[in-house]
Amino acid sequence: MLILEGLAPSRPRATPWPRTPRDGSPRLLYESRRIRPRHAAVAAHLHERDGDLAMAARLYAEAAHQAPNLAERDHLTRQAARLNARRCR
């Protein structure tokens, strides 16, 4: 066992988790969509939390279209349908 004396354990800096789309850089959010396959789903969740149900439903539908498997596609399609139903009430 290696013992390092005199070294204080480093603590990673806590970065707050974005709660709405406004908490992050919009440019980063929309540019990373091409790079990260689940970005649209994350952006949809943030828009839903922010109350923009129309944009969230569109992003959930986009994420469903990009989903790599059937289970994920079904889940995201249901999320989009749930938000569209809430908007129509």
PDB file of N, CA and C in Angstrom:
ATOM      1  N   MET A   1       0.846  -1.177   0.000  1.00  0.00           N
ATOM      2  CA  MET A   1       0.000   0.000   0.000  1.00  0.00           C
ATOM      3  C   MET A   1       0.890   1.238   0.000  1.00  0.00           C
ATOM      4  N   LEU A   2       0.558   2.182  -0.853  1.00  0.00           N
ATOM      5  CA  LEU A   2       1.333   3.411  -0.977  1.00  0.00           C
ATOM      6  C   LEU A   2       0.675   4.497  -0.135  1.00  0.00           C
ATOM      7  N   ILE A   3       1.442   5.107   0.720  1.00  0.00           N
ATOM      8  CA  ILE A   3       0.916   6.180   1.570  1.00  0.00           C
ATOM      9  C   ILE A   3       1.596   7.474   1.155  1.00  0.00           C
ATOM     10  N   LEU A   4       0.813   8.445   0.787  1.00  0.00           N
ATOM     11  CA  LEU A   4       1.338   9.754   0.403  1.00  0.00           C
ATOM     12  C   LEU A   4       1.112  10.711   1.559  1.00  0.00           C
ATOM     13  N   GLU A   5       2.201  11.132   2.170  1.00  0.00           N
ATOM     14  CA  GLU A   5       2.087  12.020   3.317  1.00  0.00           C
ATOM     15  C   GLU A   5       2.134  13.469   2.866  1.00  0.00           C
ATOM     16  N   GLY A   6       1.396  14.291   3.533  1.00  0.00           N
ATOM     17  CA  GLY A   6       1.438  15.716   3.283  1.00  0.00           C
ATOM     18  C   GLY A   6       0.603  16.172   2.096  1.00  0.00           C
ATOM     19  N   LEU A   7      -0.114  15.269   1.478  1.00  0.00           N
ATOM     20  CA  LEU A   7      -0.960  15.661   0.353  1.00  0.00           C
ATOM     21  C   LEU A   7      -2.424  15.675   0.792  1.00  0.00           C
ATOM     22  N   ALA A   8      -3.012  16.802   0.664  1.00  0.00           N
ATOM     23  CA  ALA A   8      -4.431  16.909   0.998  1.00  0.00           C
ATOM     24  C   ALA A   8      -5.240  16.358  -0.172  1.00  0.00           C
ATOM     25  N   PRO A   9      -6.297  15.630   0.118  1.00  0.00           N
ATOM     26  CA  PRO A   9      -7.113  15.122  -0.983  1.00  0.00           C
ATOM     27  C   PRO A   9      -7.755  16.283  -1.740  1.00  0.00           C
ATOM     28  N   SER A  10      -7.693  16.206  -3.042  1.00  0.00           N
ATOM     29  CA  SER A  10      -8.289  17.286  -3.830  1.00  0.00           C
ATOM     30  C   SER A  10      -9.789  17.049  -3.948  1.00  0.00           C
ATOM     31  N   ARG A  11     -10.528  18.107  -3.921  1.00  0.00           N
ATOM     32  CA  ARG A  11     -11.979  18.019  -4.034  1.00  0.00           C
ATOM     33  C   ARG A  11     -12.384  18.615  -5.373  1.00  0.00           C
ATOM     34  N   PRO A  12     -13.131  17.873  -6.153  1.00  0.00           N
ATOM     35  CA  PRO A  12     -13.577  18.450  -7.423  1.00  0.00           C
ATOM     36  C   PRO A  12     -14.549  19.592  -7.172  1.00  0.00           C
ATOM     37  N   ARG A  13     -14.459  20.593  -8.027  1.00  0.00           N
ATOM     38  CA  ARG A  13     -15.358  21.732  -7.895  1.00  0.00           C
ATOM     39  C   ARG A  13     -16.751  21.335  -8.353  1.00  0.00           C
ATOM     40  N   ALA A  14     -17.730  21.683  -7.580  1.00  0.00           N
ATOM     41  CA  ALA A  14     -19.108  21.351  -7.932  1.00  0.00           C
ATOM     42  C   ALA A  14     -19.629  22.345  -8.962  1.00  0.00           C
ATOM     43  N   THR A  15     -20.111  21.828 -10.050  1.00  0.00           N
ATOM     44  CA  THR A  15     -20.739  22.656 -11.069  1.00  0.00           C
ATOM     45  C   THR A  15     -22.235  22.429 -10.976  1.00  0.00           C
ATOM     46  N   PRO A  16     -23.018  23.478 -10.830  1.00  0.00           N
ATOM     47  CA  PRO A  16     -24.457  23.263 -10.692  1.00  0.00           C
ATOM     48  C   PRO A  16     -25.043  22.638 -11.953  1.00  0.00           C
ATOM     49  N   TRP A  17     -25.953  21.703 -11.761  1.00  0.00           N
ATOM     50  CA  TRP A  17     -26.624  21.038 -12.870  1.00  0.00           C
ATOM     51  C   TRP A  17     -27.592  22.024 -13.507  1.00  0.00           C
ATOM     52  N   PRO A  18     -27.602  22.159 -14.834  1.00  0.00           N
ATOM     53  CA  PRO A  18     -28.532  23.115 -15.443  1.00  0.00           C
ATOM     54  C   PRO A  18     -29.972  22.695 -15.209  1.00  0.00           C
ATOM     55  N   ARG A  19     -30.778  23.630 -14.771  1.00  0.00           N
ATOM     56  CA  ARG A  19     -32.179  23.340 -14.494  1.00  0.00           C
ATOM     57  C   ARG A  19     -33.094  23.784 -15.628  1.00  0.00           C
ATOM     58  N   THR A  20     -32.644  24.721 -16.413  1.00  0.00           N
ATOM     59  CA  THR A  20     -33.427  25.207 -17.551  1.00  0.00           C
ATOM     60  C   THR A  20     -32.480  25.430 -18.716  1.00  0.00           C
ATOM     61  N   PRO A  21     -32.998  25.592 -19.949  1.00  0.00           N
ATOM     62  CA  PRO A  21     -32.110  25.834 -21.077  1.00  0.00           C
ATOM     63  C   PRO A  21     -31.325  27.132 -20.935  1.00  0.00           C
ATOM     64  N   ARG A  22     -31.846  28.065 -20.157  1.00  0.00           N
ATOM     65  CA  ARG A  22     -31.155  29.351 -19.983  1.00  0.00           C
ATOM     66  C   ARG A  22     -29.935  29.238 -19.085  1.00  0.00           C
ATOM     67  N   ASP A  23     -29.820  28.137 -18.318  1.00  0.00           N
ATOM     68  CA  ASP A  23     -28.683  27.968 -17.414  1.00  0.00           C
ATOM     69  C   ASP A  23     -27.394  27.626 -18.146  1.00  0.00           C
ATOM     70  N   GLY A  24     -27.499  27.103 -19.363  1.00  0.00           N
ATOM     71  CA  GLY A  24     -26.313  26.738 -20.134  1.00  0.00           C
ATOM     72  C   GLY A  24     -26.152  27.665 -21.318  1.00  0.00           C
ATOM     73  N   SER A  25     -25.087  27.483 -22.020  1.00  0.00           N
ATOM     74  CA  SER A  25     -24.858  28.288 -23.212  1.00  0.00           C
ATOM     75  C   SER A  25     -25.740  27.776 -24.344  1.00  0.00           C
ATOM     76  N   PRO A  26     -26.632  28.607 -24.896  1.00  0.00           N
ATOM     77  CA  PRO A  26     -27.487  28.141 -25.989  1.00  0.00           C
ATOM     78  C   PRO A  26     -26.689  27.646 -27.183  1.00  0.00           C
ATOM     79  N   ARG A  27     -25.572  28.292 -27.461  1.00  0.00           N
ATOM     80  CA  ARG A  27     -24.748  27.851 -28.585  1.00  0.00           C
ATOM     81  C   ARG A  27     -24.241  26.437 -28.347  1.00  0.00           C
ATOM     82  N   LEU A  28     -23.768  26.181 -27.128  1.00  0.00           N
ATOM     83  CA  LEU A  28     -23.280  24.849 -26.796  1.00  0.00           C
ATOM     84  C   LEU A  28     -24.410  23.826 -26.879  1.00  0.00           C
ATOM     85  N   LEU A  29     -25.577  24.192 -26.364  1.00  0.00           N
ATOM     86  CA  LEU A  29     -26.709  23.268 -26.402  1.00  0.00           C
ATOM     87  C   LEU A  29     -27.047  22.852 -27.821  1.00  0.00           C
ATOM     88  N   TYR A  30     -27.151  23.803 -28.723  1.00  0.00           N
ATOM     89  CA  TYR A  30     -27.610  23.478 -30.061  1.00  0.00           C
ATOM     90  C   TYR A  30     -26.504  22.950 -30.961  1.00  0.00           C
ATOM     91  N   GLU A  31     -25.242  23.320 -30.723  1.00  0.00           N
ATOM     92  CA  GLU A  31     -24.148  22.781 -31.524  1.00  0.00           C
ATOM     93  C   GLU A  31     -23.814  21.356 -31.116  1.00  0.00           C
ATOM     94  N   SER A  32     -23.943  21.040 -29.846  1.00  0.00           N
ATOM     95  CA  SER A  32     -23.574  19.698 -29.404  1.00  0.00           C
ATOM     96  C   SER A  32     -24.600  18.658 -29.817  1.00  0.00           C
ATOM     97  N   ARG A  33     -25.752  19.093 -30.319  1.00  0.00           N
ATOM     98  CA  ARG A  33     -26.772  18.144 -30.754  1.00  0.00           C
ATOM     99  C   ARG A  33     -26.223  17.214 -31.836  1.00  0.00           C
ATOM    100  N   ARG A  34     -25.349  17.741 -32.694  1.00  0.00           N
ATOM    101  CA  ARG A  34     -24.777  16.913 -33.753  1.00  0.00           C
ATOM    102  C   ARG A  34     -23.773  15.914 -33.189  1.00  0.00           C
ATOM    103  N   ILE A  35     -23.162  16.236 -32.070  1.00  0.00           N
ATOM    104  CA  ILE A  35     -22.103  15.413 -31.510  1.00  0.00           C
ATOM    105  C   ILE A  35     -22.654  14.353 -30.563  1.00  0.00           C
ATOM    106  N   ARG A  36     -23.596  14.716 -29.754  1.00  0.00           N
ATOM    107  CA  ARG A  36     -24.100  13.812 -28.722  1.00  0.00           C
ATOM    108  C   ARG A  36     -25.494  13.316 -29.098  1.00  0.00           C
ATOM    109  N   PRO A  37     -25.664  12.017 -29.205  1.00  0.00           N
ATOM    110  CA  PRO A  37     -26.936  11.496 -29.705  1.00  0.00           C
ATOM    111  C   PRO A  37     -28.129  11.756 -28.789  1.00  0.00           C
ATOM    112  N   ARG A  38     -27.921  11.927 -27.519  1.00  0.00           N
ATOM    113  CA  ARG A  38     -29.055  12.124 -26.601  1.00  0.00           C
ATOM    114  C   ARG A  38     -29.241  13.583 -26.200  1.00  0.00           C
ATOM    115  N   HIS A  39     -28.584  14.470 -26.902  1.00  0.00           N
ATOM    116  CA  HIS A  39     -28.697  15.884 -26.561  1.00  0.00           C
ATOM    117  C   HIS A  39     -30.125  16.390 -26.696  1.00  0.00           C
ATOM    118  N   ALA A  40     -30.825  15.988 -27.741  1.00  0.00           N
ATOM    119  CA  ALA A  40     -32.195  16.473 -27.948  1.00  0.00           C
ATOM    120  C   ALA A  40     -33.083  16.075 -26.780  1.00  0.00           C
ATOM    121  N   ALA A  41     -32.890  14.878 -26.235  1.00  0.00           N
ATOM    122  CA  ALA A  41     -33.700  14.431 -25.094  1.00  0.00           C
ATOM    123  C   ALA A  41     -33.400  15.266 -23.850  1.00  0.00           C
ATOM    124  N   VAL A  42     -32.131  15.569 -23.628  1.00  0.00           N
ATOM    125  CA  VAL A  42     -31.746  16.401 -22.475  1.00  0.00           C
ATOM    126  C   VAL A  42     -32.300  17.811 -22.643  1.00  0.00           C
ATOM    127  N   ALA A  43     -32.162  18.366 -23.838  1.00  0.00           N
ATOM    128  CA  ALA A  43     -32.688  19.709 -24.102  1.00  0.00           C
ATOM    129  C   ALA A  43     -34.207  19.722 -23.922  1.00  0.00           C
ATOM    130  N   ALA A  44     -34.885  18.652 -24.356  1.00  0.00           N
ATOM    131  CA  ALA A  44     -36.343  18.568 -24.185  1.00  0.00           C
ATOM    132  C   ALA A  44     -36.713  18.589 -22.708  1.00  0.00           C
ATOM    133  N   HIS A  45     -35.985  17.826 -21.918  1.00  0.00           N
ATOM    134  CA  HIS A  45     -36.248  17.799 -20.476  1.00  0.00           C
ATOM    135  C   HIS A  45     -36.072  19.186 -19.861  1.00  0.00           C
ATOM    136  N   LEU A  46     -35.011  19.890 -20.249  1.00  0.00           N
ATOM    137  CA  LEU A  46     -34.773  21.227 -19.701  1.00  0.00           C
ATOM    138  C   LEU A  46     -35.860  22.212 -20.146  1.00  0.00           C
ATOM    139  N   HIS A  47     -36.283  22.127 -21.400  1.00  0.00           N
ATOM    140  CA  HIS A  47     -37.361  23.011 -21.861  1.00  0.00           C
ATOM    141  C   HIS A  47     -38.665  22.692 -21.130  1.00  0.00           C
ATOM    142  N   GLU A  48     -38.918  21.409 -20.868  1.00  0.00           N
ATOM    143  CA  GLU A  48     -40.119  21.041 -20.118  1.00  0.00           C
ATOM    144  C   GLU A  48     -40.077  21.623 -18.713  1.00  0.00           C
ATOM    145  N   ARG A  49     -38.939  21.530 -18.060  1.00  0.00           N
ATOM    146  CA  ARG A  49     -38.802  22.105 -16.713  1.00  0.00           C
ATOM    147  C   ARG A  49     -38.981  23.611 -16.727  1.00  0.00           C
ATOM    148  N   ASP A  50     -38.614  24.246 -17.838  1.00  0.00           N
ATOM    149  CA  ASP A  50     -38.733  25.696 -17.959  1.00  0.00           C
ATOM    150  C   ASP A  50     -40.144  26.124 -18.361  1.00  0.00           C
ATOM    151  N   GLY A  51     -41.004  25.158 -18.723  1.00  0.00           N
ATOM    152  CA  GLY A  51     -42.382  25.481 -19.062  1.00  0.00           C
ATOM    153  C   GLY A  51     -42.650  25.662 -20.545  1.00  0.00           C
ATOM    154  N   ASP A  52     -41.643  25.491 -21.383  1.00  0.00           N
ATOM    155  CA  ASP A  52     -41.819  25.621 -22.836  1.00  0.00           C
ATOM    156  C   ASP A  52     -42.206  24.252 -23.391  1.00  0.00           C
ATOM    157  N   LEU A  53     -43.491  23.904 -23.261  1.00  0.00           N
ATOM    158  CA  LEU A  53     -43.957  22.568 -23.611  1.00  0.00           C
ATOM    159  C   LEU A  53     -43.928  22.313 -25.116  1.00  0.00           C
ATOM    160  N   ALA A  54     -44.169  23.337 -25.914  1.00  0.00           N
ATOM    161  CA  ALA A  54     -44.162  23.153 -27.369  1.00  0.00           C
ATOM    162  C   ALA A  54     -42.759  22.767 -27.850  1.00  0.00           C
ATOM    163  N   MET A  55     -41.751  23.484 -27.396  1.00  0.00           N
ATOM    164  CA  MET A  55     -40.380  23.173 -27.791  1.00  0.00           C
ATOM    165  C   MET A  55     -39.956  21.818 -27.229  1.00  0.00           C
ATOM    166  N   ALA A  56     -40.356  21.536 -25.993  1.00  0.00           N
ATOM    167  CA  ALA A  56     -39.999  20.252 -25.380  1.00  0.00           C
ATOM    168  C   ALA A  56     -40.594  19.090 -26.176  1.00  0.00           C
ATOM    169  N   ALA A  57     -41.846  19.225 -26.587  1.00  0.00           N
ATOM    170  CA  ALA A  57     -42.493  18.159 -27.366  1.00  0.00           C
ATOM    171  C   ALA A  57     -41.772  17.958 -28.697  1.00  0.00           C
ATOM    172  N   ARG A  58     -41.396  19.051 -29.355  1.00  0.00           N
ATOM    173  CA  ARG A  58     -40.656  18.937 -30.630  1.00  0.00           C
ATOM    174  C   ARG A  58     -39.304  18.241 -30.422  1.00  0.00           C
ATOM    175  N   LEU A  59     -38.615  18.617 -29.342  1.00  0.00           N
ATOM    176  CA  LEU A  59     -37.309  18.014 -29.082  1.00  0.00           C
ATOM    177  C   LEU A  59     -37.425  16.542 -28.688  1.00  0.00           C
ATOM    178  N   TYR A  60     -38.473  16.181 -27.929  1.00  0.00           N
ATOM    179  CA  TYR A  60     -38.682  14.766 -27.606  1.00  0.00           C
ATOM    180  C   TYR A  60     -38.944  13.969 -28.885  1.00  0.00           C
ATOM    181  N   ALA A  61     -39.720  14.538 -29.806  1.00  0.00           N
ATOM    182  CA  ALA A  61     -39.985  13.852 -31.074  1.00  0.00           C
ATOM    183  C   ALA A  61     -38.703  13.706 -31.887  1.00  0.00           C
ATOM    184  N   GLU A  62     -37.876  14.744 -31.900  1.00  0.00           N
ATOM    185  CA  GLU A  62     -36.598  14.676 -32.599  1.00  0.00           C
ATOM    186  C   GLU A  62     -35.696  13.619 -31.970  1.00  0.00           C
ATOM    187  N   ALA A  63     -35.670  13.587 -30.649  1.00  0.00           N
ATOM    188  CA  ALA A  63     -34.854  12.596 -29.948  1.00  0.00           C
ATOM    189  C   ALA A  63     -35.347  11.181 -30.243  1.00  0.00           C
ATOM    190  N   ALA A  64     -36.665  11.010 -30.335  1.00  0.00           N
ATOM    191  CA  ALA A  64     -37.220   9.692 -30.663  1.00  0.00           C
ATOM    192  C   ALA A  64     -36.766   9.259 -32.049  1.00  0.00           C
ATOM    193  N   HIS A  65     -36.723  10.192 -32.959  1.00  0.00           N
ATOM    194  CA  HIS A  65     -36.276   9.890 -34.321  1.00  0.00           C
ATOM    195  C   HIS A  65     -34.809   9.455 -34.340  1.00  0.00           C
ATOM    196  N   GLN A  66     -34.004  10.003 -33.444  1.00  0.00           N
ATOM    197  CA  GLN A  66     -32.569   9.705 -33.393  1.00  0.00           C
ATOM    198  C   GLN A  66     -32.236   8.543 -32.454  1.00  0.00           C
ATOM    199  N   ALA A  67     -33.219   8.014 -31.749  1.00  0.00           N
ATOM    200  CA  ALA A  67     -32.958   6.992 -30.722  1.00  0.00           C
ATOM    201  C   ALA A  67     -32.314   5.742 -31.324  1.00  0.00           C
ATOM    202  N   PRO A  68     -31.318   5.207 -30.635  1.00  0.00           N
ATOM    203  CA  PRO A  68     -30.609   4.042 -31.164  1.00  0.00           C
ATOM    204  C   PRO A  68     -31.328   2.707 -30.967  1.00  0.00           C
ATOM    205  N   ASN A  69     -32.375   2.683 -30.124  1.00  0.00           N
ATOM    206  CA  ASN A  69     -33.074   1.412 -29.912  1.00  0.00           C
ATOM    207  C   ASN A  69     -34.571   1.643 -29.726  1.00  0.00           C
ATOM    208  N   LEU A  70     -35.326   0.577 -29.844  1.00  0.00           N
ATOM    209  CA  LEU A  70     -36.781   0.655 -29.819  1.00  0.00           C
ATOM    210  C   LEU A  70     -37.329   1.139 -28.474  1.00  0.00           C
ATOM    211  N   ALA A  71     -36.768   0.648 -27.381  1.00  0.00           N
ATOM    212  CA  ALA A  71     -37.266   1.045 -26.055  1.00  0.00           C
ATOM    213  C   ALA A  71     -37.113   2.551 -25.832  1.00  0.00           C
ATOM    214  N   GLU A  72     -35.961   3.076 -26.195  1.00  0.00           N
ATOM    215  CA  GLU A  72     -35.728   4.513 -26.026  1.00  0.00           C
ATOM    216  C   GLU A  72     -36.646   5.315 -26.949  1.00  0.00           C
ATOM    217  N   ARG A  73     -36.802   4.850 -28.179  1.00  0.00           N
ATOM    218  CA  ARG A  73     -37.682   5.545 -29.125  1.00  0.00           C
ATOM    219  C   ARG A  73     -39.121   5.565 -28.611  1.00  0.00           C
ATOM    220  N   ASP A  74     -39.596   4.436 -28.072  1.00  0.00           N
ATOM    221  CA  ASP A  74     -40.958   4.388 -27.524  1.00  0.00           C
ATOM    222  C   ASP A  74     -41.120   5.345 -26.351  1.00  0.00           C
ATOM    223  N   HIS A  75     -40.151   5.358 -25.471  1.00  0.00           N
ATOM    224  CA  HIS A  75     -40.217   6.242 -24.301  1.00  0.00           C
ATOM    225  C   HIS A  75     -40.278   7.712 -24.724  1.00  0.00           C
ATOM    226  N   LEU A  76     -39.407   8.095 -25.648  1.00  0.00           N
ATOM    227  CA  LEU A  76     -39.366   9.492 -26.079  1.00  0.00           C
ATOM    228  C   LEU A  76     -40.623   9.878 -26.859  1.00  0.00           C
ATOM    229  N   THR A  77     -41.161   8.945 -27.622  1.00  0.00           N
ATOM    230  CA  THR A  77     -42.419   9.205 -28.337  1.00  0.00           C
ATOM    231  C   THR A  77     -43.555   9.428 -27.346  1.00  0.00           C
ATOM    232  N   ARG A  78     -43.589   8.628 -26.283  1.00  0.00           N
ATOM    233  CA  ARG A  78     -44.625   8.819 -25.244  1.00  0.00           C
ATOM    234  C   ARG A  78     -44.465  10.159 -24.535  1.00  0.00           C
ATOM    235  N   GLN A  79     -43.221  10.563 -24.292  1.00  0.00           N
ATOM    236  CA  GLN A  79     -42.986  11.869 -23.664  1.00  0.00           C
ATOM    237  C   GLN A  79     -43.528  12.993 -24.547  1.00  0.00           C
ATOM    238  N   ALA A  80     -43.251  12.925 -25.843  1.00  0.00           N
ATOM    239  CA  ALA A  80     -43.752  13.950 -26.773  1.00  0.00           C
ATOM    240  C   ALA A  80     -45.270  13.947 -26.798  1.00  0.00           C
ATOM    241  N   ALA A  81     -45.876  12.768 -26.831  1.00  0.00           N
ATOM    242  CA  ALA A  81     -47.340  12.669 -26.847  1.00  0.00           C
ATOM    243  C   ALA A  81     -47.949  13.218 -25.556  1.00  0.00           C
ATOM    244  N   ARG A  82     -47.318  12.928 -24.428  1.00  0.00           N
ATOM    245  CA  ARG A  82     -47.811  13.436 -23.132  1.00  0.00           C
ATOM    246  C   ARG A  82     -47.819  14.961 -23.127  1.00  0.00           C
ATOM    247  N   LEU A  83     -46.742  15.577 -23.617  1.00  0.00           N
ATOM    248  CA  LEU A  83     -46.679  17.035 -23.622  1.00  0.00           C
ATOM    249  C   LEU A  83     -47.660  17.630 -24.620  1.00  0.00           C
ATOM    250  N   ASN A  84     -47.819  17.004 -25.783  1.00  0.00           N
ATOM    251  CA  ASN A  84     -48.797  17.497 -26.764  1.00  0.00           C
ATOM    252  C   ASN A  84     -50.204  17.410 -26.198  1.00  0.00           C
ATOM    253  N   ALA A  85     -50.512  16.360 -25.445  1.00  0.00           N
ATOM    254  CA  ALA A  85     -51.839  16.228 -24.836  1.00  0.00           C
ATOM    255  C   ALA A  85     -52.055  17.304 -23.773  1.00  0.00           C
ATOM    256  N   ARG A  86     -51.037  17.608 -23.001  1.00  0.00           N
ATOM    257  CA  ARG A  86     -51.151  18.661 -21.972  1.00  0.00           C
ATOM    258  C   ARG A  86     -51.368  20.025 -22.602  1.00  0.00           C
ATOM    259  N   ARG A  87     -50.728  20.268 -23.748  1.00  0.00           N
ATOM    260  CA  ARG A  87     -50.873  21.560 -24.421  1.00  0.00           C
ATOM    261  C   ARG A  87     -52.274  21.744 -24.992  1.00  0.00           C
ATOM    262  N   CYS A  88     -52.916  20.654 -25.382  1.00  0.00           N
ATOM    263  CA  CYS A  88     -54.222  20.733 -26.048  1.00  0.00           C
ATOM    264  C   CYS A  88     -55.384  20.839 -25.067  1.00  0.00           C
ATOM    265  N   ARG A  89     -55.150  20.678 -23.796  1.00  0.00           N
ATOM    266  CA  ARG A  89     -56.250  20.738 -22.803  1.00  0.00           C
ATOM    267  C   ARG A  89     -56.744  22.152 -22.611  1.00  0.00           C
TER     268      ARG A  89
END
